[in-house]
Amino acid sequence: MNAMQFVERLRRSGETPECVFLDVVAGKAQPAWYAGHGVHAEIGPDESIADIDFRPLVGVSVQLGARGGDAQRMRRVAKRVAEAKPSLLCVFTDENGAFVMHRLWADGRSDRRSV
C-alpha cells in the first residue's frame, strides 16, 4: 500500500488527519503511520508520481519535504499535491544552503519564507 492509499483508507474509516507529513525519499519508502492527529508517509523512488492519487489530501494540511530525495521529483509531487487542493501546502526546500518554506493555501494565497 502506498502513502496515499493509506491516507485514503484512513479517511474512508472516518478519520481526517489534521496534517500529513509527506517525504519524498531516495530509498525504499517506509510504511505510512498515523499518530492521532497526523500521518507520516513517504514516497519512494520506485513509485510513479503520475500514478499516485493525491485526492485524499483535499482539505488537509500537508507538509512536504525531500529527506534525502531528489528536489526535482519533490517539485513534481508538490505540483500534484497542490492540484488536490489541501487546506495548506508547505513545501520545504534547500536553496543555496538556506532552508526555505513555500506555503500555498487552498484559496490561492502563497508566500515564501526563509526559516
N, C-alpha and C. Protein backbone atom coordinates (compact mmCIF):
# COMPACT_ATOMS: atom_id res chain seq x y z
N MET A 1 0.85 -1.17 0.00
CA MET A 1 0.00 0.00 0.00
C MET A 1 0.90 1.24 0.00
N ASN A 2 0.62 2.20 -0.92
CA ASN A 2 1.44 3.40 -0.93
C ASN A 2 0.87 4.44 0.04
N ALA A 3 1.57 5.56 0.15
CA ALA A 3 1.24 6.60 1.13
C ALA A 3 -0.18 7.13 0.97
N MET A 4 -0.59 7.42 -0.26
CA MET A 4 -1.92 7.99 -0.46
C MET A 4 -3.02 6.96 -0.26
N GLN A 5 -2.73 5.68 -0.55
CA GLN A 5 -3.71 4.64 -0.26
C GLN A 5 -3.95 4.55 1.24
N PHE A 6 -2.89 4.74 2.03
CA PHE A 6 -3.01 4.73 3.49
C PHE A 6 -3.92 5.87 3.94
N VAL A 7 -3.67 7.09 3.41
CA VAL A 7 -4.48 8.25 3.80
C VAL A 7 -5.93 8.05 3.34
N GLU A 8 -6.11 7.49 2.16
CA GLU A 8 -7.47 7.23 1.67
C GLU A 8 -8.22 6.27 2.59
N ARG A 9 -7.58 5.19 2.99
CA ARG A 9 -8.22 4.22 3.91
C ARG A 9 -8.58 4.88 5.23
N LEU A 10 -7.68 5.70 5.73
CA LEU A 10 -7.91 6.40 6.99
C LEU A 10 -9.14 7.30 6.87
N ARG A 11 -9.22 8.07 5.79
CA ARG A 11 -10.35 8.98 5.60
C ARG A 11 -11.65 8.22 5.38
N ARG A 12 -11.59 7.11 4.66
CA ARG A 12 -12.81 6.30 4.45
C ARG A 12 -13.32 5.70 5.75
N SER A 13 -12.41 5.51 6.72
CA SER A 13 -12.82 4.96 8.01
C SER A 13 -13.38 6.03 8.94
N GLY A 14 -13.42 7.28 8.46
CA GLY A 14 -13.98 8.37 9.25
C GLY A 14 -12.97 9.26 9.93
N GLU A 15 -11.70 8.94 9.82
CA GLU A 15 -10.64 9.75 10.41
C GLU A 15 -10.16 10.78 9.39
N THR A 16 -10.01 12.03 9.83
CA THR A 16 -9.41 13.06 8.98
C THR A 16 -8.21 13.61 9.73
N PRO A 17 -7.01 13.29 9.28
CA PRO A 17 -5.82 13.79 9.98
C PRO A 17 -5.75 15.31 9.86
N GLU A 18 -5.23 15.95 10.90
CA GLU A 18 -5.03 17.40 10.85
C GLU A 18 -3.93 17.75 9.87
N CYS A 19 -2.93 16.87 9.76
CA CYS A 19 -1.79 17.15 8.90
C CYS A 19 -1.23 15.85 8.33
N VAL A 20 -0.72 15.95 7.11
CA VAL A 20 0.00 14.84 6.51
C VAL A 20 1.43 15.32 6.26
N PHE A 21 2.38 14.64 6.87
CA PHE A 21 3.80 14.93 6.67
C PHE A 21 4.27 13.97 5.59
N LEU A 22 4.59 14.50 4.44
CA LEU A 22 4.92 13.69 3.28
C LEU A 22 6.38 13.91 2.89
N ASP A 23 7.15 12.85 2.83
CA ASP A 23 8.56 12.92 2.45
C ASP A 23 8.79 12.18 1.14
N VAL A 24 9.52 12.83 0.24
CA VAL A 24 9.98 12.18 -0.99
C VAL A 24 11.38 11.67 -0.65
N VAL A 25 11.53 10.36 -0.60
CA VAL A 25 12.78 9.75 -0.11
C VAL A 25 13.56 9.09 -1.24
N ALA A 26 14.87 9.00 -1.02
CA ALA A 26 15.77 8.40 -2.02
C ALA A 26 15.74 6.87 -1.96
N GLY A 27 15.50 6.32 -0.78
CA GLY A 27 15.49 4.86 -0.61
C GLY A 27 14.08 4.32 -0.53
N LYS A 28 13.98 3.08 -0.13
CA LYS A 28 12.68 2.42 0.00
C LYS A 28 11.78 3.18 0.97
N ALA A 29 10.57 3.45 0.54
CA ALA A 29 9.61 4.15 1.39
C ALA A 29 9.19 3.25 2.55
N GLN A 30 9.16 3.83 3.74
CA GLN A 30 8.71 3.11 4.92
C GLN A 30 7.18 3.13 4.95
N PRO A 31 6.55 2.19 5.61
CA PRO A 31 5.08 2.20 5.69
C PRO A 31 4.58 3.48 6.39
N ALA A 32 3.47 3.98 5.90
CA ALA A 32 2.85 5.18 6.50
C ALA A 32 2.29 4.82 7.87
N TRP A 33 2.20 5.83 8.75
CA TRP A 33 1.61 5.60 10.06
C TRP A 33 0.85 6.84 10.50
N TYR A 34 -0.12 6.62 11.38
CA TYR A 34 -1.00 7.68 11.89
C TYR A 34 -0.83 7.76 13.39
N ALA A 35 -0.63 8.96 13.90
CA ALA A 35 -0.41 9.14 15.33
C ALA A 35 -1.43 10.11 15.91
N GLY A 36 -2.70 9.78 15.78
CA GLY A 36 -3.75 10.57 16.42
C GLY A 36 -4.15 11.84 15.72
N HIS A 37 -3.19 12.66 15.29
CA HIS A 37 -3.52 13.92 14.63
C HIS A 37 -2.86 14.04 13.27
N GLY A 38 -1.80 13.29 13.06
CA GLY A 38 -1.06 13.44 11.81
C GLY A 38 -0.60 12.12 11.24
N VAL A 39 -0.41 12.15 9.93
CA VAL A 39 0.10 10.98 9.20
C VAL A 39 1.51 11.30 8.76
N HIS A 40 2.40 10.34 8.88
CA HIS A 40 3.71 10.45 8.26
C HIS A 40 3.74 9.42 7.14
N ALA A 41 4.06 9.88 5.94
CA ALA A 41 4.08 9.00 4.78
C ALA A 41 5.25 9.35 3.89
N GLU A 42 5.73 8.34 3.17
CA GLU A 42 6.88 8.54 2.29
C GLU A 42 6.55 8.07 0.87
N ILE A 43 7.15 8.76 -0.10
CA ILE A 43 7.06 8.36 -1.50
C ILE A 43 8.46 7.98 -1.94
N GLY A 44 8.62 6.72 -2.33
CA GLY A 44 9.93 6.22 -2.72
C GLY A 44 10.21 6.42 -4.19
N PRO A 45 11.46 6.16 -4.58
CA PRO A 45 11.88 6.39 -5.96
C PRO A 45 11.25 5.43 -6.97
N ASP A 46 10.73 4.30 -6.49
CA ASP A 46 10.13 3.33 -7.39
C ASP A 46 8.65 3.59 -7.66
N GLU A 47 8.08 4.62 -7.04
CA GLU A 47 6.66 4.94 -7.23
C GLU A 47 6.51 5.97 -8.35
N SER A 48 5.59 5.72 -9.25
CA SER A 48 5.31 6.65 -10.34
C SER A 48 4.41 7.78 -9.82
N ILE A 49 4.92 8.99 -9.86
CA ILE A 49 4.14 10.14 -9.37
C ILE A 49 2.84 10.28 -10.16
N ALA A 50 2.91 10.02 -11.46
CA ALA A 50 1.72 10.14 -12.31
C ALA A 50 0.62 9.16 -11.90
N ASP A 51 0.99 8.05 -11.28
CA ASP A 51 0.01 7.04 -10.90
C ASP A 51 -0.54 7.21 -9.48
N ILE A 52 -0.01 8.14 -8.72
CA ILE A 52 -0.46 8.34 -7.34
C ILE A 52 -1.68 9.25 -7.33
N ASP A 53 -2.71 8.85 -6.61
CA ASP A 53 -3.93 9.63 -6.46
C ASP A 53 -3.80 10.49 -5.20
N PHE A 54 -3.63 11.80 -5.39
CA PHE A 54 -3.43 12.70 -4.25
C PHE A 54 -4.75 13.28 -3.71
N ARG A 55 -5.89 12.86 -4.25
CA ARG A 55 -7.17 13.40 -3.79
C ARG A 55 -7.45 13.21 -2.31
N PRO A 56 -6.92 12.19 -1.62
CA PRO A 56 -7.17 12.08 -0.18
C PRO A 56 -6.63 13.27 0.62
N LEU A 57 -5.84 14.14 -0.02
CA LEU A 57 -5.28 15.30 0.67
C LEU A 57 -6.18 16.53 0.60
N VAL A 58 -7.31 16.43 -0.07
CA VAL A 58 -8.24 17.57 -0.18
C VAL A 58 -8.61 18.05 1.22
N GLY A 59 -8.43 19.34 1.47
CA GLY A 59 -8.83 19.94 2.73
C GLY A 59 -7.95 19.65 3.93
N VAL A 60 -6.84 18.96 3.72
CA VAL A 60 -5.93 18.60 4.81
C VAL A 60 -4.67 19.45 4.69
N SER A 61 -4.07 19.79 5.80
CA SER A 61 -2.78 20.49 5.80
C SER A 61 -1.67 19.49 5.46
N VAL A 62 -0.80 19.86 4.51
CA VAL A 62 0.26 18.96 4.06
C VAL A 62 1.61 19.66 4.19
N GLN A 63 2.57 18.95 4.77
CA GLN A 63 3.95 19.43 4.82
C GLN A 63 4.79 18.46 4.00
N LEU A 64 5.49 19.01 3.01
CA LEU A 64 6.21 18.19 2.04
C LEU A 64 7.70 18.52 2.06
N GLY A 65 8.52 17.50 2.13
CA GLY A 65 9.97 17.66 2.08
C GLY A 65 10.59 16.53 1.29
N ALA A 66 11.88 16.67 1.02
CA ALA A 66 12.60 15.64 0.26
C ALA A 66 13.77 15.16 1.10
N ARG A 67 13.47 14.39 2.11
CA ARG A 67 14.50 13.89 3.02
C ARG A 67 15.45 12.97 2.27
N GLY A 68 16.51 13.55 1.75
CA GLY A 68 17.49 12.77 1.01
C GLY A 68 17.06 12.44 -0.40
N GLY A 69 15.88 12.91 -0.79
CA GLY A 69 15.36 12.61 -2.12
C GLY A 69 15.72 13.67 -3.15
N ASP A 70 15.25 13.46 -4.34
CA ASP A 70 15.51 14.32 -5.49
C ASP A 70 14.61 15.57 -5.43
N ALA A 71 15.22 16.77 -5.46
CA ALA A 71 14.47 18.02 -5.36
C ALA A 71 13.53 18.19 -6.56
N GLN A 72 13.96 17.78 -7.74
CA GLN A 72 13.09 17.91 -8.92
C GLN A 72 11.86 17.01 -8.79
N ARG A 73 12.07 15.82 -8.29
CA ARG A 73 10.96 14.89 -8.06
C ARG A 73 10.00 15.47 -7.01
N MET A 74 10.56 16.10 -5.98
CA MET A 74 9.72 16.70 -4.96
C MET A 74 8.86 17.82 -5.56
N ARG A 75 9.43 18.62 -6.47
CA ARG A 75 8.65 19.68 -7.11
C ARG A 75 7.47 19.09 -7.90
N ARG A 76 7.69 17.95 -8.55
CA ARG A 76 6.60 17.30 -9.29
C ARG A 76 5.51 16.82 -8.33
N VAL A 77 5.93 16.28 -7.18
CA VAL A 77 4.96 15.87 -6.16
C VAL A 77 4.21 17.10 -5.64
N ALA A 78 4.92 18.19 -5.39
CA ALA A 78 4.29 19.42 -4.88
C ALA A 78 3.22 19.92 -5.84
N LYS A 79 3.51 19.87 -7.11
CA LYS A 79 2.53 20.31 -8.12
C LYS A 79 1.28 19.45 -8.06
N ARG A 80 1.46 18.14 -7.98
CA ARG A 80 0.31 17.22 -7.93
C ARG A 80 -0.48 17.40 -6.62
N VAL A 81 0.23 17.58 -5.51
CA VAL A 81 -0.45 17.79 -4.23
C VAL A 81 -1.26 19.09 -4.30
N ALA A 82 -0.67 20.16 -4.83
CA ALA A 82 -1.36 21.46 -4.94
C ALA A 82 -2.64 21.33 -5.77
N GLU A 83 -2.60 20.52 -6.82
CA GLU A 83 -3.79 20.30 -7.66
C GLU A 83 -4.92 19.65 -6.88
N ALA A 84 -4.59 18.90 -5.82
CA ALA A 84 -5.61 18.24 -5.00
C ALA A 84 -6.30 19.21 -4.04
N LYS A 85 -5.75 20.42 -3.88
CA LYS A 85 -6.32 21.47 -3.02
C LYS A 85 -6.33 21.12 -1.54
N PRO A 86 -5.14 20.88 -0.96
CA PRO A 86 -5.10 20.75 0.50
C PRO A 86 -5.43 22.12 1.12
N SER A 87 -5.81 22.14 2.37
CA SER A 87 -6.12 23.43 3.01
C SER A 87 -4.88 24.31 3.05
N LEU A 88 -3.72 23.69 3.26
CA LEU A 88 -2.44 24.40 3.26
C LEU A 88 -1.37 23.42 2.82
N LEU A 89 -0.52 23.85 1.90
CA LEU A 89 0.61 23.05 1.46
C LEU A 89 1.88 23.81 1.81
N CYS A 90 2.72 23.22 2.64
CA CYS A 90 4.03 23.78 2.99
C CYS A 90 5.09 22.90 2.35
N VAL A 91 5.91 23.50 1.49
CA VAL A 91 6.97 22.75 0.83
C VAL A 91 8.29 23.29 1.35
N PHE A 92 9.12 22.41 1.87
CA PHE A 92 10.40 22.80 2.46
C PHE A 92 11.53 22.45 1.49
N THR A 93 12.35 23.46 1.15
CA THR A 93 13.44 23.27 0.20
C THR A 93 14.74 23.83 0.77
N ASP A 94 15.83 23.40 0.17
CA ASP A 94 17.16 23.93 0.47
C ASP A 94 17.57 24.75 -0.73
N GLU A 95 17.67 26.06 -0.56
CA GLU A 95 18.03 26.95 -1.66
C GLU A 95 19.34 27.64 -1.33
N ASN A 96 20.40 27.16 -1.97
CA ASN A 96 21.74 27.70 -1.75
C ASN A 96 22.12 27.71 -0.27
N GLY A 97 21.82 26.64 0.40
CA GLY A 97 22.17 26.50 1.81
C GLY A 97 21.18 27.11 2.78
N ALA A 98 20.14 27.76 2.27
CA ALA A 98 19.11 28.35 3.13
C ALA A 98 17.88 27.44 3.13
N PHE A 99 17.32 27.22 4.31
CA PHE A 99 16.12 26.41 4.47
C PHE A 99 14.93 27.31 4.19
N VAL A 100 14.14 26.99 3.17
CA VAL A 100 13.04 27.86 2.74
C VAL A 100 11.72 27.10 2.79
N MET A 101 10.68 27.79 3.29
CA MET A 101 9.34 27.23 3.33
C MET A 101 8.46 27.99 2.35
N HIS A 102 7.86 27.27 1.42
CA HIS A 102 6.91 27.83 0.47
C HIS A 102 5.52 27.38 0.93
N ARG A 103 4.60 28.34 1.09
CA ARG A 103 3.26 27.98 1.54
C ARG A 103 2.23 28.35 0.47
N LEU A 104 1.26 27.48 0.29
CA LEU A 104 0.15 27.72 -0.63
C LEU A 104 -1.13 27.30 0.06
N TRP A 105 -2.06 28.25 0.19
CA TRP A 105 -3.36 27.96 0.79
C TRP A 105 -4.36 27.59 -0.29
N ALA A 106 -5.41 26.90 0.07
CA ALA A 106 -6.42 26.46 -0.89
C ALA A 106 -7.08 27.62 -1.62
N ASP A 107 -7.12 28.80 -0.98
CA ASP A 107 -7.75 29.96 -1.63
C ASP A 107 -6.80 30.67 -2.60
N GLY A 108 -5.59 30.14 -2.78
CA GLY A 108 -4.65 30.70 -3.76
C GLY A 108 -3.58 31.61 -3.18
N ARG A 109 -3.73 32.02 -1.92
CA ARG A 109 -2.67 32.84 -1.31
C ARG A 109 -1.41 32.01 -1.19
N SER A 110 -0.26 32.68 -1.29
CA SER A 110 1.01 31.98 -1.13
C SER A 110 2.06 32.93 -0.57
N ASP A 111 3.08 32.35 0.00
CA ASP A 111 4.24 33.13 0.44
C ASP A 111 5.45 32.22 0.52
N ARG A 112 6.56 32.84 0.75
CA ARG A 112 7.86 32.13 0.81
C ARG A 112 8.63 32.75 1.97
N ARG A 113 9.17 31.90 2.83
CA ARG A 113 9.93 32.39 3.99
C ARG A 113 11.19 31.59 4.19
N SER A 114 12.26 32.29 4.47
CA SER A 114 13.49 31.61 4.90
C SER A 114 13.32 31.26 6.35
N VAL A 115 13.66 30.04 6.70
CA VAL A 115 13.47 29.59 8.08
C VAL A 115 14.81 29.50 8.75
